[in-house]
């Protein structure tokens, strides 16, 4: 009859560190502020810490063994599965080792913005992926409040310029024209010089009036609220034609639905920033702003024939690109940038139709 052998001190010593390490790791997972989710190669959830439970509203026991895609809305769900499969097959990283901002899906069906960083762990030939998640809903709320406040300030300044300075300049132009006509009726030679001076004053006042109107419209496009995004973009294109003698055209290949005001404002600002960046940095001869329907929604594109971005995409317009990407993100989409040296640049984004932000 075999007797049960008692564990030796050496075996106890070897076992103790392992259990301590496991306990320590579990304590870290349980107390982490960020959500931590571990999945296998097939996307099945193996670990789901308490912070992840708070973020997504699921209990760990409800999601262990299920595919992680249940935490993502479409189209992010399909993209996530594709990214992992592509990485396993080709080693090409799209999300592995790269932090990015995505949208998560709570148990109650609400969507939340999250920061997601995915890393790979390979132990004994078995590959798993760890996702670290942070709920950034509050940050997004504050960012939106800042952007809204900025838009309100732009609107107020634009209205003030239009309602006060523009009116004064219009009055000055009218008075100068009347003075010009009165002096013109005089027959003595010195009056001719005065008439020329009055003409110059009227012309300068008229030019200043046009410039103030352009500035006020740039600060806040009144046409955007009056007649919608299409009309505002057409006006933007016409202004660049007049101000910079650059061929700037607007092509609308779609009958626009009534867009949410926030979406319309961000799309207009993206177009405005792209046009200004092109004029300032790319030395183009032609800029095209276009709206068109695509399978996934409404596509805005701004294409120029300028010098393009240098290789690597770094240029003096980097801040402008960052602002455009931020605005695209604010309305739930991504900014596309296609460029090559001396071959121009195309800025684009697609907004799902009927999406409220």
Protein backbone atom coordinates (compact mmCIF):
# COMPACT_ATOMS: atom_id res chain seq x y z
CA UNK A 1 0.00 0.00 0.00
CA UNK A 2 1.45 3.33 -1.06
CA UNK A 3 1.84 5.92 1.56
CA UNK A 4 1.08 9.56 0.82
CA UNK A 5 4.32 11.45 0.72
CA UNK A 6 4.42 14.77 2.47
CA UNK A 7 5.75 17.69 0.46
CA UNK A 8 9.34 18.46 1.27
CA UNK A 9 10.49 21.89 2.41
CA UNK A 10 12.17 22.32 -0.96
CA UNK A 11 8.89 21.68 -2.81
CA UNK A 12 7.02 24.05 -0.49
CA UNK A 13 9.58 26.75 -1.12
CA UNK A 14 9.23 26.25 -4.88
CA UNK A 15 5.44 26.36 -4.71
CA UNK A 16 5.16 29.40 -2.44
CA UNK A 17 6.61 32.03 -4.85
CA UNK A 18 4.28 30.86 -7.61
CA UNK A 19 1.16 31.23 -5.49
CA UNK A 20 2.40 34.57 -4.21
CA UNK A 21 3.03 35.76 -7.76
CA UNK A 22 -0.43 34.66 -8.83
CA UNK A 23 -2.02 36.34 -5.82
CA UNK A 24 -0.06 39.52 -6.51
CA UNK A 25 -1.06 39.50 -10.17
CA UNK A 26 -4.70 38.93 -9.27
CA UNK A 27 -4.57 41.80 -6.79
CA UNK A 28 -3.16 44.08 -9.51
CA UNK A 29 -5.93 43.07 -11.91
CA UNK A 30 -8.62 43.54 -9.26
CA UNK A 31 -7.44 47.00 -8.18
CA UNK A 32 -6.43 48.42 -11.57
CA UNK A 33 -8.23 51.62 -12.54
CA UNK A 34 -8.22 50.62 -16.21
CA UNK A 35 -10.16 47.71 -17.64
CA UNK A 36 -7.95 44.72 -18.45
CA UNK A 37 -9.21 41.97 -20.75
CA UNK A 38 -7.28 38.90 -21.89
CA UNK A 39 -8.38 37.02 -25.04
CA UNK A 40 -7.07 34.02 -26.95
CA UNK A 41 -6.23 33.81 -30.67
CA UNK A 42 -9.87 33.22 -31.52
CA UNK A 43 -10.96 36.34 -29.65
CA UNK A 44 -12.51 34.44 -26.72
CA UNK A 45 -12.35 36.26 -23.39
CA UNK A 46 -10.19 34.53 -20.75
CA UNK A 47 -9.95 37.28 -18.13
CA UNK A 48 -12.16 40.27 -17.34
CA UNK A 49 -11.17 42.42 -14.37
CA UNK A 50 -13.53 44.48 -12.10
CA UNK A 51 -12.69 47.75 -13.89
CA UNK A 52 -13.78 46.16 -17.17
CA UNK A 53 -17.01 45.09 -15.44
CA UNK A 54 -17.66 48.72 -14.43
CA UNK A 55 -16.89 50.05 -17.91
CA UNK A 56 -18.99 47.58 -19.90
CA UNK A 57 -21.67 46.61 -17.36
CA UNK A 58 -21.03 42.86 -17.75
CA UNK A 59 -19.99 40.54 -14.93
CA UNK A 60 -16.88 38.48 -15.65
CA UNK A 61 -18.82 35.22 -15.39
CA UNK A 62 -21.18 36.45 -18.12
CA UNK A 63 -18.46 37.07 -20.72
CA UNK A 64 -15.68 34.56 -19.98
CA UNK A 65 -15.48 32.20 -22.96
CA UNK A 66 -17.42 34.54 -25.26
CA UNK A 67 -15.98 36.47 -28.18
CA UNK A 68 -14.68 39.93 -27.31
CA UNK A 69 -16.67 41.34 -30.24
CA UNK A 70 -19.73 41.52 -27.97
CA UNK A 71 -18.07 44.58 -26.41
CA UNK A 72 -17.91 46.44 -29.74
CA UNK A 73 -20.54 47.93 -32.06
CA UNK A 74 -20.36 47.57 -35.83
CA UNK A 75 -18.25 48.30 -37.81
CA UNK A 76 -15.56 48.21 -35.09
CA UNK A 77 -16.53 44.63 -34.23
CA UNK A 78 -15.72 43.32 -37.70
CA UNK A 79 -12.55 45.41 -37.98
CA UNK A 80 -11.21 44.12 -34.65
CA UNK A 81 -11.60 40.48 -35.72
CA UNK A 82 -9.97 41.26 -39.07
CA UNK A 83 -7.04 43.03 -37.40
CA UNK A 84 -6.26 40.06 -35.12
CA UNK A 85 -6.60 37.54 -37.96
CA UNK A 86 -4.36 39.61 -40.23
CA UNK A 87 -1.77 39.98 -37.49
CA UNK A 88 -1.70 36.23 -36.81
CA UNK A 89 -1.36 35.43 -40.52
CA UNK A 90 1.05 38.17 -41.60
CA UNK A 91 2.55 39.72 -38.47
CA UNK A 92 1.36 43.11 -39.72
CA UNK A 93 0.28 45.16 -36.70
CA UNK A 94 -2.76 47.42 -36.97
CA UNK A 95 -3.84 47.52 -33.34
CA UNK A 96 -1.32 45.21 -31.62
CA UNK A 97 1.17 47.32 -29.68
CA UNK A 98 -0.55 50.50 -30.85
CA UNK A 99 -2.88 52.54 -28.65
CA UNK A 100 -5.91 53.94 -30.38
CA UNK A 101 -9.30 55.43 -29.69
CA UNK A 102 -12.29 53.19 -30.47
CA UNK A 103 -15.93 52.81 -29.49
CA UNK A 104 -17.07 50.25 -26.91
CA UNK A 105 -20.52 48.75 -26.44
CA UNK A 106 -22.01 48.49 -22.96
CA UNK A 107 -24.37 45.73 -21.86
CA UNK A 108 -27.32 48.16 -22.04
CA UNK A 109 -26.54 48.94 -25.69
CA UNK A 110 -25.03 52.39 -25.19
CA UNK A 111 -21.81 53.22 -27.00
CA UNK A 112 -18.86 54.74 -25.16
CA UNK A 113 -15.54 56.15 -26.39
CA UNK A 114 -12.55 54.23 -25.05
CA UNK A 115 -8.78 54.26 -25.32
CA UNK A 116 -7.59 50.77 -26.24
CA UNK A 117 -4.04 49.41 -26.10
CA UNK A 118 -3.49 45.78 -27.13
CA UNK A 119 -0.34 43.77 -26.42
CA UNK A 120 0.65 40.20 -27.22
CA UNK A 121 1.81 37.61 -24.68
CA UNK A 122 3.40 34.35 -25.83
CA UNK A 123 4.05 31.74 -23.13
CA UNK A 124 5.03 28.20 -24.06
CA UNK A 125 3.96 28.73 -27.65
CA UNK A 126 0.47 29.80 -26.60
CA UNK A 127 -0.47 33.26 -27.76
CA UNK A 128 -2.89 35.55 -25.94
CA UNK A 129 -3.71 39.24 -26.24
CA UNK A 130 -4.19 41.70 -23.40
CA UNK A 131 -6.31 44.79 -23.91
CA UNK A 132 -6.07 47.75 -21.54
CA UNK A 133 -9.17 49.93 -21.72
CA UNK A 134 -9.94 53.37 -20.38
CA UNK A 135 -13.38 54.99 -20.50
CA UNK A 136 -12.86 58.50 -21.91
CA UNK A 137 -16.52 59.59 -21.92
CA UNK A 138 -15.90 62.44 -19.47
CA UNK A 139 -12.87 63.65 -21.41
CA UNK A 140 -14.92 63.63 -24.60
CA UNK A 141 -17.71 65.56 -22.89
CA UNK A 142 -15.27 68.23 -21.76
CA UNK A 143 -13.61 68.39 -25.19
CA UNK A 144 -16.99 68.86 -26.83
CA UNK A 145 -17.85 71.62 -24.34
CA UNK A 146 -14.58 73.41 -25.20
CA UNK A 147 -15.21 73.10 -28.95
CA UNK A 148 -18.80 74.33 -28.56
CA UNK A 149 -17.61 77.29 -26.49
CA UNK A 150 -15.02 78.10 -29.15
CA UNK A 151 -17.67 77.98 -31.88
CA UNK A 152 -19.93 80.28 -29.87
CA UNK A 153 -17.07 82.74 -29.44
CA UNK A 154 -16.32 82.65 -33.17
CA UNK A 155 -19.99 83.24 -33.88
CA UNK A 156 -20.13 86.21 -31.52
CA UNK A 157 -17.02 87.84 -32.99
CA UNK A 158 -18.25 87.22 -36.52
CA UNK A 159 -21.64 88.75 -35.76
CA UNK A 160 -20.04 91.74 -34.05
CA UNK A 161 -17.83 92.37 -37.09
CA UNK A 162 -20.80 92.02 -39.41
CA UNK A 163 -23.21 94.11 -37.35
CA UNK A 164 -20.89 96.93 -36.25
CA UNK A 165 -17.67 97.35 -38.28
CA UNK A 166 -19.35 96.32 -41.54
CA UNK A 167 -22.19 98.79 -41.00
CA UNK A 168 -19.76 101.64 -40.25
CA UNK A 169 -17.69 100.85 -43.35
CA UNK A 170 -20.83 100.66 -45.47
CA UNK A 171 -21.86 104.07 -44.18
CA UNK A 172 -18.38 105.46 -44.84
CA UNK A 173 -18.44 104.12 -48.40
CA UNK A 174 -21.83 105.71 -49.04
CA UNK A 175 -20.74 109.10 -47.69
CA UNK A 176 -17.55 108.99 -49.78
CA UNK A 177 -19.54 108.19 -52.92
CA UNK A 178 -21.92 111.10 -52.25
CA UNK A 179 -18.94 113.40 -51.63
CA UNK A 180 -17.36 112.17 -54.85
CA UNK A 181 -20.53 113.01 -56.80
CA UNK A 182 -20.83 116.50 -55.25
CA UNK A 183 -17.22 117.39 -55.96
CA UNK A 184 -17.54 115.98 -59.46
CA UNK A 185 -20.21 118.54 -60.22
CA UNK A 186 -17.80 121.39 -59.44
CA UNK A 187 -16.10 122.86 -62.50
CA UNK A 188 -12.85 124.29 -61.10
CA UNK A 189 -9.62 122.34 -61.57
CA UNK A 190 -8.74 121.82 -57.82
CA UNK A 191 -12.07 120.07 -57.38
CA UNK A 192 -10.89 117.34 -59.76
CA UNK A 193 -8.10 116.42 -57.35
CA UNK A 194 -10.60 116.35 -54.50
CA UNK A 195 -12.87 114.09 -56.56
CA UNK A 196 -9.98 111.69 -57.10
CA UNK A 197 -9.26 111.67 -53.35
CA UNK A 198 -12.91 110.97 -52.60
CA UNK A 199 -12.87 108.12 -55.12
CA UNK A 200 -9.82 106.59 -53.44
CA UNK A 201 -11.48 106.88 -50.01
CA UNK A 202 -14.63 105.20 -51.32
CA UNK A 203 -12.65 102.41 -53.02
CA UNK A 204 -10.58 101.73 -49.89
CA UNK A 205 -13.67 101.69 -47.69
CA UNK A 206 -15.38 99.33 -50.13
CA UNK A 207 -12.35 96.99 -50.14
CA UNK A 208 -12.18 97.06 -46.32
CA UNK A 209 -15.90 96.27 -46.16
CA UNK A 210 -15.44 93.19 -48.37
CA UNK A 211 -12.48 92.02 -46.27
CA UNK A 212 -14.40 92.42 -43.00
CA UNK A 213 -17.32 90.47 -44.46
CA UNK A 214 -14.98 87.68 -45.54
CA UNK A 215 -13.39 87.57 -42.09
CA UNK A 216 -16.75 87.53 -40.33
CA UNK A 217 -18.00 84.73 -42.60
CA UNK A 218 -14.80 82.77 -41.95
CA UNK A 219 -15.20 83.11 -38.20
CA UNK A 220 -18.74 81.87 -38.37
CA UNK A 221 -20.37 80.87 -41.66
CA UNK A 222 -23.88 82.31 -41.55
CA UNK A 223 -24.80 80.30 -44.65
CA UNK A 224 -24.24 77.10 -42.68
CA UNK A 225 -27.26 77.85 -40.50
CA UNK A 226 -29.33 79.57 -43.17
CA UNK A 227 -28.94 77.18 -46.10
CA UNK A 228 -26.90 74.20 -44.91
CA UNK A 229 -23.47 72.69 -45.42
CA UNK A 230 -23.52 72.60 -49.23
CA UNK A 231 -24.15 76.34 -49.59
CA UNK A 232 -21.55 77.17 -46.92
CA UNK A 233 -18.88 75.07 -48.68
CA UNK A 234 -19.72 76.68 -52.01
CA UNK A 235 -19.28 80.11 -50.43
CA UNK A 236 -15.97 78.98 -48.90
CA UNK A 237 -14.71 77.96 -52.35
CA UNK A 238 -15.84 81.23 -53.94
CA UNK A 239 -14.08 83.28 -51.27
CA UNK A 240 -10.73 81.62 -51.96
CA UNK A 241 -11.16 82.34 -55.65
CA UNK A 242 -11.65 86.03 -54.88
CA UNK A 243 -9.03 86.41 -52.13
CA UNK A 244 -6.12 84.34 -53.46
CA UNK A 245 -6.81 84.02 -57.20
CA UNK A 246 -6.61 80.24 -56.85
CA UNK A 247 -9.09 78.04 -58.68
CA UNK A 248 -11.21 76.65 -55.84
CA UNK A 249 -14.36 74.76 -56.80
CA UNK A 250 -17.11 72.99 -54.92
CA UNK A 251 -18.71 69.83 -56.32
CA UNK A 252 -21.83 68.50 -54.68
CA UNK A 253 -22.68 65.06 -56.05
CA UNK A 254 -25.38 64.35 -53.53
CA UNK A 255 -28.65 65.85 -52.42
CA UNK A 256 -27.83 66.56 -48.81
CA UNK A 257 -30.14 65.51 -46.01
CA UNK A 258 -30.60 67.82 -43.06
CA UNK A 259 -27.41 67.21 -41.10
CA UNK A 260 -27.03 67.49 -37.35
CA UNK A 261 -25.66 70.98 -36.63
CA UNK A 262 -22.58 69.68 -34.78
CA UNK A 263 -21.71 67.33 -37.65
CA UNK A 264 -22.18 70.11 -40.22
CA UNK A 265 -20.00 72.56 -38.28
CA UNK A 266 -17.15 70.04 -37.88
CA UNK A 267 -17.27 69.08 -41.57
CA UNK A 268 -17.19 72.75 -42.56
CA UNK A 269 -14.22 73.42 -40.25
CA UNK A 270 -12.35 70.41 -41.65
CA UNK A 271 -12.85 71.73 -45.17
CA UNK A 272 -11.88 75.25 -44.11
CA UNK A 273 -8.70 74.05 -42.38
CA UNK A 274 -7.75 71.82 -45.33
CA UNK A 275 -8.20 74.68 -47.82
CA UNK A 276 -6.23 77.17 -45.69
CA UNK A 277 -3.43 74.63 -45.13
CA UNK A 278 -3.19 73.94 -48.86
CA UNK A 279 -3.03 77.63 -49.73
CA UNK A 280 -0.48 78.38 -47.02
CA UNK A 281 1.82 75.38 -47.36
CA UNK A 282 1.28 73.53 -50.65
CA UNK A 283 1.32 76.30 -53.31
CA UNK A 284 -1.56 74.77 -55.32
CA UNK A 285 -3.12 76.04 -58.54
CA UNK A 286 -6.41 74.24 -57.97
CA UNK A 287 -8.41 73.04 -54.93
CA UNK A 288 -11.54 70.93 -55.14
CA UNK A 289 -14.06 70.51 -52.30
CA UNK A 290 -16.52 67.68 -52.86
CA UNK A 291 -19.48 66.06 -51.13
CA UNK A 292 -20.65 62.67 -52.37
CA UNK A 293 -22.67 59.68 -51.23
CA UNK A 294 -20.79 56.42 -50.62
CA UNK A 295 -21.96 53.05 -49.33
CA UNK A 296 -21.12 53.92 -45.74
CA UNK A 297 -22.44 57.48 -45.68
CA UNK A 298 -21.53 61.00 -46.76
CA UNK A 299 -17.96 61.62 -47.93
CA UNK A 300 -16.28 65.02 -47.70
CA UNK A 301 -13.03 65.38 -49.63
CA UNK A 302 -10.65 68.29 -50.20
CA UNK A 303 -8.14 67.72 -52.98
CA UNK A 304 -5.33 70.04 -54.07
CA UNK A 305 -2.65 69.77 -56.76
CA UNK A 306 0.11 71.31 -54.62
CA UNK A 307 3.50 70.05 -53.55
CA UNK A 308 2.05 67.46 -51.16
CA UNK A 309 3.23 66.41 -47.74
CA UNK A 310 6.86 65.36 -47.31
CA UNK A 311 7.56 61.68 -46.73
CA UNK A 312 6.52 60.71 -43.23
CA UNK A 313 3.69 63.26 -43.30
CA UNK A 314 5.54 65.79 -41.12
CA UNK A 315 5.22 69.38 -42.18
CA UNK A 316 4.58 72.87 -40.90
CA UNK A 317 0.87 72.08 -41.29
CA UNK A 318 1.09 69.32 -38.66
CA UNK A 319 -1.04 71.24 -36.17
CA UNK A 320 -3.71 71.77 -38.79
CA UNK A 321 -3.79 68.04 -39.53
CA UNK A 322 -4.07 67.28 -35.83
CA UNK A 323 -7.03 69.68 -35.51
CA UNK A 324 -8.78 68.10 -38.50
CA UNK A 325 -8.24 64.59 -37.10
CA UNK A 326 -9.62 65.74 -33.76
CA UNK A 327 -12.72 67.22 -35.38
CA UNK A 328 -13.31 64.04 -37.40
CA UNK A 329 -13.01 62.01 -34.24
CA UNK A 330 -15.54 64.27 -32.50
CA UNK A 331 -18.20 63.20 -35.01
CA UNK A 332 -17.33 59.52 -34.86
CA UNK A 333 -15.21 59.13 -37.96
CA UNK A 334 -11.56 59.08 -39.05
CA UNK A 335 -9.62 61.49 -41.22
CA UNK A 336 -8.05 60.05 -44.36
CA UNK A 337 -4.87 61.66 -45.69
CA UNK A 338 -3.45 60.72 -49.09
CA UNK A 339 -0.41 62.62 -50.24
CA UNK A 340 2.81 62.34 -52.15
CA UNK A 341 5.55 64.93 -52.82
CA UNK A 342 4.63 67.11 -55.82
CA UNK A 343 1.44 65.11 -56.40
CA UNK A 344 -0.98 66.98 -54.17
CA UNK A 345 -2.94 66.00 -51.09
CA UNK A 346 -6.43 64.66 -50.50
CA UNK A 347 -8.11 65.05 -47.10
CA UNK A 348 -11.30 63.08 -46.60
CA UNK A 349 -13.72 61.65 -44.06
CA UNK A 350 -16.96 59.67 -44.21
CA UNK A 351 -19.85 60.37 -41.86
CA UNK A 352 -22.60 57.75 -41.52
CA UNK A 353 -25.88 59.30 -42.62
CA UNK A 354 -28.53 59.76 -39.99
CA UNK A 355 -25.96 59.66 -37.15
CA UNK A 356 -26.54 62.13 -34.37
CA UNK A 357 -23.66 63.42 -32.34
